[in-house]
Amino acid sequence: MDYRKIITIEPGKRGGKPCIRGLRITVGDVLGYLASGMSMAEILMDFDELKEEDIRACLAYAADRERFTMIIPSAA
């Protein structure tokens, strides 16, 4: 999925955190809801402005961030 048209980053909005389509809902918010056990349907019911595609974009964004995260061991 190409999430680049859905996930936006604006320095003055939510501290520059990645948001969904310029809304004030962050990727972290959505991932937190999913992690707490909310279903996609429950999230969509609570946030009228979100679409299923937005939630999938959050997951794709998080997967890419994880894929490209490099851990550099500290010198012991």
N, C-alpha and C. Protein backbone atom coordinates (compact mmCIF):
# COMPACT_ATOMS: atom_id res chain seq x y z
N MET A 1 0.84 -1.19 0.00
CA MET A 1 0.00 0.00 0.00
C MET A 1 0.87 1.24 0.00
N ASP A 2 0.51 2.20 -0.83
CA ASP A 2 1.22 3.48 -0.85
C ASP A 2 0.51 4.43 0.11
N TYR A 3 1.04 4.56 1.30
CA TYR A 3 0.42 5.37 2.35
C TYR A 3 0.81 6.84 2.26
N ARG A 4 1.70 7.19 1.34
CA ARG A 4 2.23 8.56 1.30
C ARG A 4 1.19 9.63 1.01
N LYS A 5 0.08 9.27 0.39
CA LYS A 5 -0.98 10.25 0.14
C LYS A 5 -1.95 10.34 1.32
N ILE A 6 -1.83 9.41 2.26
CA ILE A 6 -2.74 9.37 3.41
C ILE A 6 -2.06 9.88 4.67
N ILE A 7 -0.82 9.45 4.90
CA ILE A 7 -0.09 9.85 6.11
C ILE A 7 0.64 11.16 5.81
N THR A 8 0.33 12.19 6.59
CA THR A 8 0.93 13.50 6.38
C THR A 8 1.71 13.92 7.62
N ILE A 9 2.73 14.72 7.39
CA ILE A 9 3.53 15.25 8.50
C ILE A 9 3.63 16.75 8.30
N GLU A 10 3.10 17.49 9.27
CA GLU A 10 3.13 18.95 9.24
C GLU A 10 3.77 19.44 10.53
N PRO A 11 4.83 20.23 10.43
CA PRO A 11 5.55 20.65 11.64
C PRO A 11 4.66 21.29 12.71
N GLY A 12 3.64 22.06 12.33
CA GLY A 12 2.81 22.75 13.30
C GLY A 12 1.62 21.95 13.81
N LYS A 13 1.46 20.73 13.36
CA LYS A 13 0.29 19.94 13.74
C LYS A 13 0.73 18.74 14.56
N ARG A 14 0.17 18.63 15.76
CA ARG A 14 0.45 17.50 16.67
C ARG A 14 1.96 17.28 16.86
N GLY A 15 2.70 18.37 16.90
CA GLY A 15 4.13 18.29 17.16
C GLY A 15 4.92 17.64 16.04
N GLY A 16 4.38 17.67 14.82
CA GLY A 16 5.08 17.08 13.68
C GLY A 16 4.94 15.58 13.58
N LYS A 17 4.05 15.00 14.39
CA LYS A 17 3.84 13.55 14.33
C LYS A 17 3.07 13.20 13.05
N PRO A 18 3.27 12.00 12.53
CA PRO A 18 2.53 11.60 11.33
C PRO A 18 1.04 11.49 11.63
N CYS A 19 0.24 12.18 10.81
CA CYS A 19 -1.21 12.22 10.98
C CYS A 19 -1.89 11.61 9.75
N ILE A 20 -3.18 11.44 9.86
CA ILE A 20 -3.97 10.87 8.78
C ILE A 20 -4.64 12.00 8.00
N ARG A 21 -4.30 12.11 6.72
CA ARG A 21 -4.90 13.07 5.79
C ARG A 21 -5.02 14.48 6.35
N GLY A 22 -4.02 14.92 7.08
CA GLY A 22 -4.03 16.28 7.61
C GLY A 22 -4.95 16.47 8.80
N LEU A 23 -5.61 15.41 9.24
CA LEU A 23 -6.46 15.49 10.43
C LEU A 23 -5.57 15.53 11.67
N ARG A 24 -6.17 15.71 12.81
CA ARG A 24 -5.39 15.73 14.05
C ARG A 24 -5.33 14.35 14.70
N ILE A 25 -5.61 13.32 13.94
CA ILE A 25 -5.52 11.94 14.43
C ILE A 25 -4.18 11.39 13.96
N THR A 26 -3.33 10.98 14.91
CA THR A 26 -2.00 10.52 14.55
C THR A 26 -1.98 9.01 14.27
N VAL A 27 -0.93 8.61 13.57
CA VAL A 27 -0.69 7.18 13.36
C VAL A 27 -0.58 6.49 14.71
N GLY A 28 0.12 7.12 15.65
CA GLY A 28 0.28 6.56 16.98
C GLY A 28 -1.05 6.37 17.71
N ASP A 29 -1.98 7.32 17.51
CA ASP A 29 -3.31 7.18 18.11
C ASP A 29 -3.97 5.90 17.61
N VAL A 30 -3.99 5.74 16.29
CA VAL A 30 -4.66 4.58 15.68
C VAL A 30 -3.98 3.28 16.11
N LEU A 31 -2.65 3.25 16.09
CA LEU A 31 -1.94 2.03 16.51
C LEU A 31 -2.23 1.72 17.97
N GLY A 32 -2.33 2.75 18.79
CA GLY A 32 -2.65 2.55 20.20
C GLY A 32 -4.04 1.96 20.39
N TYR A 33 -5.00 2.44 19.61
CA TYR A 33 -6.36 1.88 19.69
C TYR A 33 -6.35 0.41 19.29
N LEU A 34 -5.66 0.10 18.22
CA LEU A 34 -5.58 -1.30 17.78
C LEU A 34 -4.89 -2.16 18.84
N ALA A 35 -3.80 -1.64 19.40
CA ALA A 35 -3.05 -2.40 20.41
C ALA A 35 -3.87 -2.62 21.68
N SER A 36 -4.78 -1.70 21.97
CA SER A 36 -5.60 -1.85 23.18
C SER A 36 -6.75 -2.82 22.97
N GLY A 37 -6.90 -3.31 21.74
CA GLY A 37 -7.94 -4.31 21.48
C GLY A 37 -9.13 -3.81 20.69
N MET A 38 -9.15 -2.54 20.34
CA MET A 38 -10.26 -2.04 19.52
C MET A 38 -10.18 -2.66 18.13
N SER A 39 -11.31 -2.98 17.60
CA SER A 39 -11.35 -3.51 16.23
C SER A 39 -11.37 -2.33 15.25
N MET A 40 -11.09 -2.64 14.01
CA MET A 40 -11.13 -1.61 12.98
C MET A 40 -12.54 -1.00 12.93
N ALA A 41 -13.56 -1.85 13.04
CA ALA A 41 -14.95 -1.37 13.00
C ALA A 41 -15.24 -0.41 14.16
N GLU A 42 -14.72 -0.71 15.34
CA GLU A 42 -14.94 0.16 16.50
C GLU A 42 -14.27 1.52 16.30
N ILE A 43 -13.07 1.51 15.76
CA ILE A 43 -12.36 2.77 15.50
C ILE A 43 -13.14 3.59 14.48
N LEU A 44 -13.62 2.95 13.43
CA LEU A 44 -14.37 3.65 12.39
C LEU A 44 -15.68 4.22 12.94
N MET A 45 -16.29 3.51 13.89
CA MET A 45 -17.52 4.02 14.52
C MET A 45 -17.23 5.26 15.38
N ASP A 46 -16.09 5.23 16.08
CA ASP A 46 -15.74 6.35 16.97
C ASP A 46 -15.26 7.58 16.22
N PHE A 47 -14.69 7.39 15.05
CA PHE A 47 -14.13 8.50 14.28
C PHE A 47 -14.74 8.50 12.88
N ASP A 48 -15.79 9.27 12.72
CA ASP A 48 -16.52 9.33 11.44
C ASP A 48 -15.63 9.71 10.26
N GLU A 49 -14.62 10.51 10.53
CA GLU A 49 -13.78 11.03 9.45
C GLU A 49 -12.77 9.99 8.92
N LEU A 50 -12.60 8.88 9.63
CA LEU A 50 -11.65 7.85 9.19
C LEU A 50 -12.30 6.84 8.26
N LYS A 51 -11.46 6.26 7.41
CA LYS A 51 -11.87 5.19 6.50
C LYS A 51 -10.99 3.98 6.78
N GLU A 52 -11.45 2.82 6.36
CA GLU A 52 -10.66 1.60 6.54
C GLU A 52 -9.28 1.76 5.92
N GLU A 53 -9.22 2.41 4.78
CA GLU A 53 -7.95 2.65 4.08
C GLU A 53 -6.98 3.45 4.96
N ASP A 54 -7.49 4.36 5.76
CA ASP A 54 -6.64 5.15 6.67
C ASP A 54 -5.97 4.26 7.71
N ILE A 55 -6.74 3.34 8.26
CA ILE A 55 -6.19 2.44 9.28
C ILE A 55 -5.15 1.52 8.66
N ARG A 56 -5.42 1.02 7.47
CA ARG A 56 -4.44 0.18 6.78
C ARG A 56 -3.18 0.98 6.45
N ALA A 57 -3.34 2.25 6.12
CA ALA A 57 -2.18 3.10 5.85
C ALA A 57 -1.32 3.26 7.11
N CYS A 58 -1.96 3.37 8.27
CA CYS A 58 -1.21 3.45 9.54
C CYS A 58 -0.39 2.19 9.76
N LEU A 59 -0.99 1.05 9.49
CA LEU A 59 -0.28 -0.22 9.66
C LEU A 59 0.88 -0.33 8.67
N ALA A 60 0.67 0.08 7.44
CA ALA A 60 1.73 0.03 6.42
C ALA A 60 2.87 0.97 6.79
N TYR A 61 2.52 2.16 7.28
CA TYR A 61 3.52 3.14 7.70
C TYR A 61 4.36 2.56 8.84
N ALA A 62 3.69 1.98 9.84
CA ALA A 62 4.40 1.40 10.98
C ALA A 62 5.28 0.23 10.53
N ALA A 63 4.80 -0.57 9.60
CA ALA A 63 5.59 -1.71 9.11
C ALA A 63 6.85 -1.21 8.41
N ASP A 64 6.71 -0.15 7.60
CA ASP A 64 7.90 0.41 6.94
C ASP A 64 8.88 0.98 7.94
N ARG A 65 8.38 1.68 8.93
CA ARG A 65 9.27 2.24 9.96
C ARG A 65 10.03 1.13 10.66
N GLU A 66 9.35 0.06 10.98
CA GLU A 66 10.00 -1.08 11.64
C GLU A 66 11.02 -1.73 10.72
N ARG A 67 10.66 -1.88 9.47
CA ARG A 67 11.53 -2.54 8.50
C ARG A 67 12.85 -1.78 8.33
N PHE A 68 12.77 -0.45 8.42
CA PHE A 68 13.95 0.36 8.15
C PHE A 68 14.62 0.90 9.42
N THR A 69 14.21 0.40 10.57
CA THR A 69 14.85 0.80 11.82
C THR A 69 16.09 -0.05 12.03
N MET A 70 17.19 0.64 12.30
CA MET A 70 18.44 -0.07 12.54
C MET A 70 18.87 0.17 13.98
N ILE A 71 19.18 -0.89 14.67
CA ILE A 71 19.66 -0.77 16.04
C ILE A 71 21.18 -0.84 16.02
N ILE A 72 21.78 0.19 16.56
CA ILE A 72 23.23 0.25 16.61
C ILE A 72 23.65 -0.05 18.06
N PRO A 73 24.35 -1.17 18.26
CA PRO A 73 24.74 -1.52 19.63
C PRO A 73 25.71 -0.48 20.19
N SER A 74 25.54 -0.19 21.47
CA SER A 74 26.45 0.75 22.09
C SER A 74 27.74 0.02 22.47
N ALA A 75 28.80 0.79 22.53
CA ALA A 75 30.09 0.19 22.91
C ALA A 75 30.05 -0.13 24.39
N ALA A 76 30.47 -1.32 24.72
CA ALA A 76 30.41 -1.76 26.12
C ALA A 76 31.67 -1.40 26.85
